Amino acid sequence: MDFKDLLLMDPLQLIQYLMRIGLLLPNRTCPKCNREMVLKKRAKYVDGASWRCSSCRSFNTIRTGSFFEKLRLLIMLLLEIVEFWAKERKQIDIEESLHVSRPT
């Protein structure tokens, strides 16, 4: 799969792909009731999806336990930053191309 293919994916497809390649956890146990959670599309969440427990009805972010857990940018933007970095682009080029500030 080419990076350009990732840019064309909808958020749920991207999440499922990242789960397949191990960048996001493919399953989650509810921290409240210890039951298996289900991935649900949720526009309310920045990533477009979240884990939902059908037993106690709680929600959890898809980022828990992953490289993305403490990062607040969109996952797609984070992947673009990593791609630019891997291509050894200068920080100023990354900032200008992706419209992110230096503290980001």
PDB file of N, CA and C in Angstrom:
ATOM      1  N   MET A   1       0.839  -1.173   0.000  1.00  0.00           N
ATOM      2  CA  MET A   1       0.000   0.000   0.000  1.00  0.00           C
ATOM      3  C   MET A   1       0.888   1.241   0.000  1.00  0.00           C
ATOM      4  N   ASP A   2       0.530   2.199  -0.817  1.00  0.00           N
ATOM      5  CA  ASP A   2       1.240   3.459  -0.959  1.00  0.00           C
ATOM      6  C   ASP A   2       0.659   4.491   0.013  1.00  0.00           C
ATOM      7  N   PHE A   3       1.477   5.452   0.444  1.00  0.00           N
ATOM      8  CA  PHE A   3       0.995   6.477   1.376  1.00  0.00           C
ATOM      9  C   PHE A   3      -0.167   7.255   0.778  1.00  0.00           C
ATOM     10  N   LYS A   4      -0.149   7.468  -0.525  1.00  0.00           N
ATOM     11  CA  LYS A   4      -1.244   8.192  -1.188  1.00  0.00           C
ATOM     12  C   LYS A   4      -2.567   7.447  -1.021  1.00  0.00           C
ATOM     13  N   ASP A   5      -2.514   6.123  -0.946  1.00  0.00           N
ATOM     14  CA  ASP A   5      -3.729   5.331  -0.721  1.00  0.00           C
ATOM     15  C   ASP A   5      -4.330   5.640   0.648  1.00  0.00           C
ATOM     16  N   LEU A   6      -3.477   5.879   1.637  1.00  0.00           N
ATOM     17  CA  LEU A   6      -3.962   6.219   2.980  1.00  0.00           C
ATOM     18  C   LEU A   6      -4.731   7.531   2.967  1.00  0.00           C
ATOM     19  N   LEU A   7      -4.259   8.484   2.174  1.00  0.00           N
ATOM     20  CA  LEU A   7      -4.908   9.793   2.105  1.00  0.00           C
ATOM     21  C   LEU A   7      -6.326   9.706   1.556  1.00  0.00           C
ATOM     22  N   LEU A   8      -6.602   8.671   0.782  1.00  0.00           N
ATOM     23  CA  LEU A   8      -7.921   8.510   0.170  1.00  0.00           C
ATOM     24  C   LEU A   8      -8.900   7.735   1.044  1.00  0.00           C
ATOM     25  N   MET A   9      -8.420   7.158   2.125  1.00  0.00           N
ATOM     26  CA  MET A   9      -9.283   6.351   2.998  1.00  0.00           C
ATOM     27  C   MET A   9     -10.179   7.230   3.864  1.00  0.00           C
ATOM     28  N   ASP A  10     -11.379   6.711   4.146  1.00  0.00           N
ATOM     29  CA  ASP A  10     -12.201   7.405   5.137  1.00  0.00           C
ATOM     30  C   ASP A  10     -11.639   7.046   6.515  1.00  0.00           C
ATOM     31  N   PRO A  11     -11.997   7.803   7.559  1.00  0.00           N
ATOM     32  CA  PRO A  11     -11.392   7.583   8.877  1.00  0.00           C
ATOM     33  C   PRO A  11     -11.498   6.149   9.399  1.00  0.00           C
ATOM     34  N   LEU A  12     -12.638   5.499   9.215  1.00  0.00           N
ATOM     35  CA  LEU A  12     -12.803   4.136   9.718  1.00  0.00           C
ATOM     36  C   LEU A  12     -11.903   3.155   8.969  1.00  0.00           C
ATOM     37  N   GLN A  13     -11.774   3.326   7.667  1.00  0.00           N
ATOM     38  CA  GLN A  13     -10.875   2.471   6.881  1.00  0.00           C
ATOM     39  C   GLN A  13      -9.429   2.644   7.345  1.00  0.00           C
ATOM     40  N   LEU A  14      -9.034   3.893   7.589  1.00  0.00           N
ATOM     41  CA  LEU A  14      -7.673   4.170   8.050  1.00  0.00           C
ATOM     42  C   LEU A  14      -7.424   3.507   9.402  1.00  0.00           C
ATOM     43  N   ILE A  15      -8.373   3.629  10.310  1.00  0.00           N
ATOM     44  CA  ILE A  15      -8.250   3.019  11.636  1.00  0.00           C
ATOM     45  C   ILE A  15      -8.096   1.509  11.512  1.00  0.00           C
ATOM     46  N   GLN A  16      -8.924   0.883  10.685  1.00  0.00           N
ATOM     47  CA  GLN A  16      -8.850  -0.568  10.511  1.00  0.00           C
ATOM     48  C   GLN A  16      -7.517  -0.984   9.890  1.00  0.00           C
ATOM     49  N   TYR A  17      -7.011  -0.190   8.964  1.00  0.00           N
ATOM     50  CA  TYR A  17      -5.707  -0.474   8.368  1.00  0.00           C
ATOM     51  C   TYR A  17      -4.604  -0.375   9.427  1.00  0.00           C
ATOM     52  N   LEU A  18      -4.642   0.683  10.242  1.00  0.00           N
ATOM     53  CA  LEU A  18      -3.630   0.855  11.290  1.00  0.00           C
ATOM     54  C   LEU A  18      -3.697  -0.266  12.317  1.00  0.00           C
ATOM     55  N   MET A  19      -4.867  -0.820  12.526  1.00  0.00           N
ATOM     56  CA  MET A  19      -5.008  -1.982  13.413  1.00  0.00           C
ATOM     57  C   MET A  19      -4.361  -3.212  12.780  1.00  0.00           C
ATOM     58  N   ARG A  20      -4.581  -3.401  11.485  1.00  0.00           N
ATOM     59  CA  ARG A  20      -4.002  -4.555  10.787  1.00  0.00           C
ATOM     60  C   ARG A  20      -2.476  -4.536  10.821  1.00  0.00           C
ATOM     61  N   ILE A  21      -1.881  -3.341  10.724  1.00  0.00           N
ATOM     62  CA  ILE A  21      -0.416  -3.272  10.691  1.00  0.00           C
ATOM     63  C   ILE A  21       0.192  -3.064  12.081  1.00  0.00           C
ATOM     64  N   GLY A  22      -0.644  -3.017  13.114  1.00  0.00           N
ATOM     65  CA  GLY A  22      -0.151  -2.982  14.485  1.00  0.00           C
ATOM     66  C   GLY A  22       0.107  -1.611  15.093  1.00  0.00           C
ATOM     67  N   LEU A  23      -0.305  -0.532  14.424  1.00  0.00           N
ATOM     68  CA  LEU A  23      -0.117   0.798  15.004  1.00  0.00           C
ATOM     69  C   LEU A  23      -1.237   1.182  15.971  1.00  0.00           C
ATOM     70  N   LEU A  24      -2.369   0.519  15.870  1.00  0.00           N
ATOM     71  CA  LEU A  24      -3.467   0.665  16.829  1.00  0.00           C
ATOM     72  C   LEU A  24      -3.849  -0.726  17.309  1.00  0.00           C
ATOM     73  N   LEU A  25      -4.312  -0.817  18.543  1.00  0.00           N
ATOM     74  CA  LEU A  25      -4.729  -2.119  19.071  1.00  0.00           C
ATOM     75  C   LEU A  25      -5.990  -2.597  18.353  1.00  0.00           C
ATOM     76  N   PRO A  26      -6.034  -3.868  17.939  1.00  0.00           N
ATOM     77  CA  PRO A  26      -7.180  -4.384  17.188  1.00  0.00           C
ATOM     78  C   PRO A  26      -8.399  -4.719  18.046  1.00  0.00           C
ATOM     79  N   ASN A  27      -8.231  -4.750  19.357  1.00  0.00           N
ATOM     80  CA  ASN A  27      -9.375  -5.006  20.245  1.00  0.00           C
ATOM     81  C   ASN A  27      -9.115  -4.331  21.580  1.00  0.00           C
ATOM     82  N   ARG A  28     -10.174  -4.208  22.338  1.00  0.00           N
ATOM     83  CA  ARG A  28     -10.075  -3.498  23.627  1.00  0.00           C
ATOM     84  C   ARG A  28     -11.051  -4.103  24.614  1.00  0.00           C
ATOM     85  N   THR A  29     -10.602  -4.256  25.848  1.00  0.00           N
ATOM     86  CA  THR A  29     -11.453  -4.719  26.939  1.00  0.00           C
ATOM     87  C   THR A  29     -11.886  -3.499  27.744  1.00  0.00           C
ATOM     88  N   CYS A  30     -13.148  -3.451  28.102  1.00  0.00           N
ATOM     89  CA  CYS A  30     -13.691  -2.324  28.858  1.00  0.00           C
ATOM     90  C   CYS A  30     -13.011  -2.231  30.228  1.00  0.00           C
ATOM     91  N   PRO A  31     -12.452  -1.066  30.562  1.00  0.00           N
ATOM     92  CA  PRO A  31     -11.803  -0.919  31.864  1.00  0.00           C
ATOM     93  C   PRO A  31     -12.798  -0.890  33.032  1.00  0.00           C
ATOM     94  N   LYS A  32     -14.075  -0.663  32.737  1.00  0.00           N
ATOM     95  CA  LYS A  32     -15.089  -0.606  33.799  1.00  0.00           C
ATOM     96  C   LYS A  32     -15.677  -1.974  34.130  1.00  0.00           C
ATOM     97  N   CYS A  33     -16.032  -2.743  33.094  1.00  0.00           N
ATOM     98  CA  CYS A  33     -16.721  -4.016  33.351  1.00  0.00           C
ATOM     99  C   CYS A  33     -15.970  -5.239  32.827  1.00  0.00           C
ATOM    100  N   ASN A  34     -14.794  -5.020  32.199  1.00  0.00           N
ATOM    101  CA  ASN A  34     -13.936  -6.103  31.728  1.00  0.00           C
ATOM    102  C   ASN A  34     -14.537  -6.925  30.582  1.00  0.00           C
ATOM    103  N   ARG A  35     -15.436  -6.345  29.828  1.00  0.00           N
ATOM    104  CA  ARG A  35     -16.015  -7.026  28.656  1.00  0.00           C
ATOM    105  C   ARG A  35     -15.369  -6.494  27.384  1.00  0.00           C
ATOM    106  N   GLU A  36     -15.498  -7.273  26.322  1.00  0.00           N
ATOM    107  CA  GLU A  36     -14.936  -6.884  25.033  1.00  0.00           C
ATOM    108  C   GLU A  36     -15.685  -5.665  24.479  1.00  0.00           C
ATOM    109  N   MET A  37     -14.932  -4.685  23.980  1.00  0.00           N
ATOM    110  CA  MET A  37     -15.529  -3.493  23.386  1.00  0.00           C
ATOM    111  C   MET A  37     -15.596  -3.657  21.873  1.00  0.00           C
ATOM    112  N   VAL A  38     -16.446  -2.847  21.234  1.00  0.00           N
ATOM    113  CA  VAL A  38     -16.659  -2.905  19.790  1.00  0.00           C
ATOM    114  C   VAL A  38     -16.272  -1.559  19.181  1.00  0.00           C
ATOM    115  N   LEU A  39     -15.626  -1.583  18.030  1.00  0.00           N
ATOM    116  CA  LEU A  39     -15.260  -0.359  17.332  1.00  0.00           C
ATOM    117  C   LEU A  39     -16.508   0.230  16.685  1.00  0.00           C
ATOM    118  N   LYS A  40     -16.789   1.498  16.973  1.00  0.00           N
ATOM    119  CA  LYS A  40     -17.973   2.175  16.438  1.00  0.00           C
ATOM    120  C   LYS A  40     -17.566   3.488  15.780  1.00  0.00           C
ATOM    121  N   LYS A  41     -18.206   3.785  14.669  1.00  0.00           N
ATOM    122  CA  LYS A  41     -18.000   5.060  14.003  1.00  0.00           C
ATOM    123  C   LYS A  41     -18.634   6.146  14.872  1.00  0.00           C
ATOM    124  N   ARG A  42     -17.870   7.197  15.195  1.00  0.00           N
ATOM    125  CA  ARG A  42     -18.366   8.280  16.060  1.00  0.00           C
ATOM    126  C   ARG A  42     -17.775   9.601  15.583  1.00  0.00           C
ATOM    127  N   ALA A  43     -18.585  10.411  14.946  1.00  0.00           N
ATOM    128  CA  ALA A  43     -18.124  11.704  14.443  1.00  0.00           C
ATOM    129  C   ALA A  43     -17.679  12.626  15.573  1.00  0.00           C
ATOM    130  N   LYS A  44     -18.196  12.389  16.760  1.00  0.00           N
ATOM    131  CA  LYS A  44     -17.872  13.211  17.930  1.00  0.00           C
ATOM    132  C   LYS A  44     -16.389  13.117  18.312  1.00  0.00           C
ATOM    133  N   TYR A  45     -15.759  12.000  18.018  1.00  0.00           N
ATOM    134  CA  TYR A  45     -14.350  11.788  18.342  1.00  0.00           C
ATOM    135  C   TYR A  45     -13.473  12.280  17.192  1.00  0.00           C
ATOM    136  N   VAL A  46     -12.338  12.866  17.527  1.00  0.00           N
ATOM    137  CA  VAL A  46     -11.439  13.443  16.535  1.00  0.00           C
ATOM    138  C   VAL A  46     -11.024  12.422  15.470  1.00  0.00           C
ATOM    139  N   ASP A  47     -10.913  11.162  15.840  1.00  0.00           N
ATOM    140  CA  ASP A  47     -10.486  10.132  14.889  1.00  0.00           C
ATOM    141  C   ASP A  47     -11.642   9.530  14.099  1.00  0.00           C
ATOM    142  N   GLY A  48     -12.870   9.914  14.419  1.00  0.00           N
ATOM    143  CA  GLY A  48     -14.034   9.419  13.693  1.00  0.00           C
ATOM    144  C   GLY A  48     -14.565   8.093  14.185  1.00  0.00           C
ATOM    145  N   ALA A  49     -13.958   7.545  15.240  1.00  0.00           N
ATOM    146  CA  ALA A  49     -14.409   6.266  15.791  1.00  0.00           C
ATOM    147  C   ALA A  49     -13.938   6.142  17.234  1.00  0.00           C
ATOM    148  N   SER A  50     -14.557   5.227  17.954  1.00  0.00           N
ATOM    149  CA  SER A  50     -14.149   4.953  19.335  1.00  0.00           C
ATOM    150  C   SER A  50     -14.531   3.520  19.682  1.00  0.00           C
ATOM    151  N   TRP A  51     -14.005   3.051  20.802  1.00  0.00           N
ATOM    152  CA  TRP A  51     -14.401   1.754  21.338  1.00  0.00           C
ATOM    153  C   TRP A  51     -15.661   1.962  22.171  1.00  0.00           C
ATOM    154  N   ARG A  52     -16.640   1.061  22.037  1.00  0.00           N
ATOM    155  CA  ARG A  52     -17.889   1.160  22.784  1.00  0.00           C
ATOM    156  C   ARG A  52     -18.162  -0.173  23.471  1.00  0.00           C
ATOM    157  N   CYS A  53     -18.495  -0.101  24.752  1.00  0.00           N
ATOM    158  CA  CYS A  53     -18.865  -1.292  25.503  1.00  0.00           C
ATOM    159  C   CYS A  53     -20.380  -1.439  25.437  1.00  0.00           C
ATOM    160  N   SER A  54     -20.850  -2.548  24.897  1.00  0.00           N
ATOM    161  CA  SER A  54     -22.298  -2.760  24.792  1.00  0.00           C
ATOM    162  C   SER A  54     -22.903  -3.155  26.131  1.00  0.00           C
ATOM    163  N   SER A  55     -22.071  -3.552  27.065  1.00  0.00           N
ATOM    164  CA  SER A  55     -22.557  -3.950  28.382  1.00  0.00           C
ATOM    165  C   SER A  55     -22.822  -2.738  29.281  1.00  0.00           C
ATOM    166  N   CYS A  56     -21.792  -1.935  29.530  1.00  0.00           N
ATOM    167  CA  CYS A  56     -21.967  -0.775  30.420  1.00  0.00           C
ATOM    168  C   CYS A  56     -22.109   0.536  29.644  1.00  0.00           C
ATOM    169  N   ARG A  57     -22.033   0.465  28.307  1.00  0.00           N
ATOM    170  CA  ARG A  57     -22.261   1.596  27.407  1.00  0.00           C
ATOM    171  C   ARG A  57     -21.199   2.700  27.485  1.00  0.00           C
ATOM    172  N   SER A  58     -20.028   2.387  28.005  1.00  0.00           N
ATOM    173  CA  SER A  58     -18.963   3.388  28.079  1.00  0.00           C
ATOM    174  C   SER A  58     -18.194   3.450  26.757  1.00  0.00           C
ATOM    175  N   PHE A  59     -17.473   4.541  26.562  1.00  0.00           N
ATOM    176  CA  PHE A  59     -16.667   4.763  25.366  1.00  0.00           C
ATOM    177  C   PHE A  59     -15.209   4.939  25.749  1.00  0.00           C
ATOM    178  N   ASN A  60     -14.311   4.553  24.847  1.00  0.00           N
ATOM    179  CA  ASN A  60     -12.878   4.779  25.023  1.00  0.00           C
ATOM    180  C   ASN A  60     -12.263   5.143  23.684  1.00  0.00           C
ATOM    181  N   THR A  61     -11.209   5.925  23.742  1.00  0.00           N
ATOM    182  CA  THR A  61     -10.507   6.326  22.530  1.00  0.00           C
ATOM    183  C   THR A  61      -9.800   5.130  21.885  1.00  0.00           C
ATOM    184  N   ILE A  62      -9.657   5.192  20.575  1.00  0.00           N
ATOM    185  CA  ILE A  62      -8.947   4.129  19.851  1.00  0.00           C
ATOM    186  C   ILE A  62      -7.444   4.224  20.063  1.00  0.00           C
ATOM    187  N   ARG A  63      -6.971   5.350  20.582  1.00  0.00           N
ATOM    188  CA  ARG A  63      -5.536   5.592  20.735  1.00  0.00           C
ATOM    189  C   ARG A  63      -4.915   4.937  21.968  1.00  0.00           C
ATOM    190  N   THR A  64      -5.723   4.521  22.923  1.00  0.00           N
ATOM    191  CA  THR A  64      -5.201   3.957  24.167  1.00  0.00           C
ATOM    192  C   THR A  64      -4.243   2.800  23.881  1.00  0.00           C
ATOM    193  N   GLY A  65      -3.059   2.860  24.477  1.00  0.00           N
ATOM    194  CA  GLY A  65      -2.074   1.794  24.315  1.00  0.00           C
ATOM    195  C   GLY A  65      -1.303   1.830  23.013  1.00  0.00           C
ATOM    196  N   SER A  66      -1.395   2.947  22.276  1.00  0.00           N
ATOM    197  CA  SER A  66      -0.706   3.034  20.990  1.00  0.00           C
ATOM    198  C   SER A  66       0.294   4.188  20.975  1.00  0.00           C
ATOM    199  N   PHE A  67       1.053   4.253  19.923  1.00  0.00           N
ATOM    200  CA  PHE A  67       1.993   5.339  19.654  1.00  0.00           C
ATOM    201  C   PHE A  67       1.277   6.690  19.687  1.00  0.00           C
ATOM    202  N   PHE A  68       0.011   6.726  19.314  1.00  0.00           N
ATOM    203  CA  PHE A  68      -0.760   7.962  19.192  1.00  0.00           C
ATOM    204  C   PHE A  68      -1.418   8.422  20.498  1.00  0.00           C
ATOM    205  N   GLU A  69      -1.300   7.648  21.562  1.00  0.00           N
ATOM    206  CA  GLU A  69      -2.077   7.873  22.786  1.00  0.00           C
ATOM    207  C   GLU A  69      -1.990   9.294  23.338  1.00  0.00           C
ATOM    208  N   LYS A  70      -0.820   9.846  23.462  1.00  0.00           N
ATOM    209  CA  LYS A  70      -0.658  11.173  24.079  1.00  0.00           C
ATOM    210  C   LYS A  70      -0.634  12.314  23.060  1.00  0.00           C
ATOM    211  N   LEU A  71      -0.748  11.987  21.794  1.00  0.00           N
ATOM    212  CA  LEU A  71      -0.683  13.001  20.743  1.00  0.00           C
ATOM    213  C   LEU A  71      -2.083  13.504  20.408  1.00  0.00           C
ATOM    214  N   ARG A  72      -2.203  14.802  20.171  1.00  0.00           N
ATOM    215  CA  ARG A  72      -3.529  15.395  19.996  1.00  0.00           C
ATOM    216  C   ARG A  72      -3.890  15.733  18.554  1.00  0.00           C
ATOM    217  N   LEU A  73      -2.955  15.598  17.653  1.00  0.00           N
ATOM    218  CA  LEU A  73      -3.242  15.894  16.253  1.00  0.00           C
ATOM    219  C   LEU A  73      -4.018  14.750  15.617  1.00  0.00           C
ATOM    220  N   LEU A  74      -4.661  15.037  14.498  1.00  0.00           N
ATOM    221  CA  LEU A  74      -5.338  13.985  13.742  1.00  0.00           C
ATOM    222  C   LEU A  74      -4.328  12.906  13.360  1.00  0.00           C
ATOM    223  N   ILE A  75      -4.762  11.679  13.390  1.00  0.00           N
ATOM    224  CA  ILE A  75      -3.860  10.570  13.046  1.00  0.00           C
ATOM    225  C   ILE A  75      -3.299  10.742  11.638  1.00  0.00           C
ATOM    226  N   MET A  76      -4.132  11.171  10.695  1.00  0.00           N
ATOM    227  CA  MET A  76      -3.648  11.350   9.324  1.00  0.00           C
ATOM    228  C   MET A  76      -2.540  12.405   9.283  1.00  0.00           C
ATOM    229  N   LEU A  77      -2.698  13.487  10.016  1.00  0.00           N
ATOM    230  CA  LEU A  77      -1.667  14.527  10.053  1.00  0.00           C
ATOM    231  C   LEU A  77      -0.382  13.984  10.683  1.00  0.00           C
ATOM    232  N   LEU A  78      -0.511  13.203  11.719  1.00  0.00           N
ATOM    233  CA  LEU A  78       0.663  12.584  12.346  1.00  0.00           C
ATOM    234  C   LEU A  78       1.389  11.671  11.362  1.00  0.00           C
ATOM    235  N   LEU A  79       0.632  10.919  10.580  1.00  0.00           N
ATOM    236  CA  LEU A  79       1.246  10.037   9.580  1.00  0.00           C
ATOM    237  C   LEU A  79       1.963  10.852   8.504  1.00  0.00           C
ATOM    238  N   GLU A  80       1.378  11.984   8.124  1.00  0.00           N
ATOM    239  CA  GLU A  80       2.026  12.847   7.138  1.00  0.00           C
ATOM    240  C   GLU A  80       3.334  13.419   7.692  1.00  0.00           C
ATOM    241  N   ILE A  81       3.333  13.815   8.953  1.00  0.00           N
ATOM    242  CA  ILE A  81       4.557  14.327   9.584  1.00  0.00           C
ATOM    243  C   ILE A  81       5.639  13.248   9.577  1.00  0.00           C
ATOM    244  N   VAL A  82       5.269  12.024   9.919  1.00  0.00           N
ATOM    245  CA  VAL A  82       6.226  10.910   9.923  1.00  0.00           C
ATOM    246  C   VAL A  82       6.756  10.658   8.513  1.00  0.00           C
ATOM    247  N   GLU A  83       5.878  10.724   7.510  1.00  0.00           N
ATOM    248  CA  GLU A  83       6.326  10.518   6.132  1.00  0.00           C
ATOM    249  C   GLU A  83       7.341  11.591   5.733  1.00  0.00           C
ATOM    250  N   PHE A  84       7.054  12.849   6.027  1.00  0.00           N
ATOM    251  CA  PHE A  84       7.986  13.932   5.704  1.00  0.00           C
ATOM    252  C   PHE A  84       9.315  13.728   6.427  1.00  0.00           C
ATOM    253  N   TRP A  85       9.240  13.353   7.705  1.00  0.00           N
ATOM    254  CA  TRP A  85      10.449  13.121   8.496  1.00  0.00           C
ATOM    255  C   TRP A  85      11.268  11.978   7.884  1.00  0.00           C
ATOM    256  N   ALA A  86      10.596  10.900   7.482  1.00  0.00           N
ATOM    257  CA  ALA A  86      11.283   9.744   6.889  1.00  0.00           C
ATOM    258  C   ALA A  86      11.968  10.119   5.576  1.00  0.00           C
ATOM    259  N   LYS A  87      11.418  11.104   4.891  1.00  0.00           N
ATOM    260  CA  LYS A  87      12.016  11.576   3.638  1.00  0.00           C
ATOM    261  C   LYS A  87      13.068  12.655   3.895  1.00  0.00           C
ATOM    262  N   GLU A  88      13.399  12.839   5.190  1.00  0.00           N
ATOM    263  CA  GLU A  88      14.426  13.783   5.623  1.00  0.00           C
ATOM    264  C   GLU A  88      14.143  15.221   5.202  1.00  0.00           C
ATOM    265  N   ARG A  89      12.869  15.598   5.242  1.00  0.00           N
ATOM    266  CA  ARG A  89      12.490  16.986   4.951  1.00  0.00           C
ATOM    267  C   ARG A  89      12.844  17.856   6.151  1.00  0.00           C
ATOM    268  N   LYS A  90      13.194  19.094   5.913  1.00  0.00           N
ATOM    269  CA  LYS A  90      13.521  20.023   6.987  1.00  0.00           C
ATOM    270  C   LYS A  90      12.264  20.346   7.789  1.00  0.00           C
ATOM    271  N   GLN A  91      12.473  20.644   9.070  1.00  0.00           N
ATOM    272  CA  GLN A  91      11.343  20.945   9.950  1.00  0.00           C
ATOM    273  C   GLN A  91      10.519  22.111   9.415  1.00  0.00           C
ATOM    274  N   ILE A  92      11.162  23.139   8.914  1.00  0.00           N
ATOM    275  CA  ILE A  92      10.438  24.302   8.393  1.00  0.00           C
ATOM    276  C   ILE A  92       9.572  23.909   7.196  1.00  0.00           C
ATOM    277  N   ASP A  93      10.060  22.981   6.364  1.00  0.00           N
ATOM    278  CA  ASP A  93       9.276  22.499   5.218  1.00  0.00           C
ATOM    279  C   ASP A  93       8.031  21.755   5.693  1.00  0.00           C
ATOM    280  N   ILE A  94       8.199  20.942   6.729  1.00  0.00           N
ATOM    281  CA  ILE A  94       7.068  20.190   7.283  1.00  0.00           C
ATOM    282  C   ILE A  94       6.036  21.161   7.842  1.00  0.00           C
ATOM    283  N   GLU A  95       6.498  22.142   8.609  1.00  0.00           N
ATOM    284  CA  GLU A  95       5.595  23.132   9.205  1.00  0.00           C
ATOM    285  C   GLU A  95       4.791  23.860   8.136  1.00  0.00           C
ATOM    286  N   GLU A  96       5.472  24.306   7.090  1.00  0.00           N
ATOM    287  CA  GLU A  96       4.805  25.071   6.034  1.00  0.00           C
ATOM    288  C   GLU A  96       3.899  24.194   5.176  1.00  0.00           C
ATOM    289  N   SER A  97       4.351  23.018   4.823  1.00  0.00           N
ATOM    290  CA  SER A  97       3.560  22.128   3.962  1.00  0.00           C
ATOM    291  C   SER A  97       2.296  21.628   4.643  1.00  0.00           C
ATOM    292  N   LEU A  98       2.394  21.327   5.939  1.00  0.00           N
ATOM    293  CA  LEU A  98       1.262  20.738   6.663  1.00  0.00           C
ATOM    294  C   LEU A  98       0.527  21.747   7.541  1.00  0.00           C
ATOM    295  N   HIS A  99       0.986  23.000   7.509  1.00  0.00           N
ATOM    296  CA  HIS A  99       0.339  24.074   8.284  1.00  0.00           C
ATOM    297  C   HIS A  99       0.276  23.748   9.775  1.00  0.00           C
ATOM    298  N   VAL A 100       1.414  23.339  10.309  1.00  0.00           N
ATOM    299  CA  VAL A 100       1.523  23.081  11.747  1.00  0.00           C
ATOM    300  C   VAL A 100       2.575  24.029  12.320  1.00  0.00           C
ATOM    301  N   SER A 101       2.437  24.351  13.581  1.00  0.00           N
ATOM    302  CA  SER A 101       3.382  25.266  14.217  1.00  0.00           C
ATOM    303  C   SER A 101       4.557  24.501  14.811  1.00  0.00           C
ATOM    304  N   ARG A 102       5.620  25.196  15.095  1.00  0.00           N
ATOM    305  CA  ARG A 102       6.832  24.588  15.655  1.00  0.00           C
ATOM    306  C   ARG A 102       6.551  23.802  16.938  1.00  0.00           C
ATOM    307  N   PRO A 103       5.757  24.333  17.902  1.00  0.00           N
ATOM    308  CA  PRO A 103       5.497  23.555  19.121  1.00  0.00           C
ATOM    309  C   PRO A 103       4.781  22.229  18.869  1.00  0.00           C
ATOM    310  N   THR A 104       4.061  22.126  17.762  1.00  0.00           N
ATOM    311  CA  THR A 104       3.343  20.905  17.439  1.00  0.00           C
ATOM    312  C   THR A 104       4.313  19.768  17.275  1.00  0.00           C
TER     313      THR A 104
END
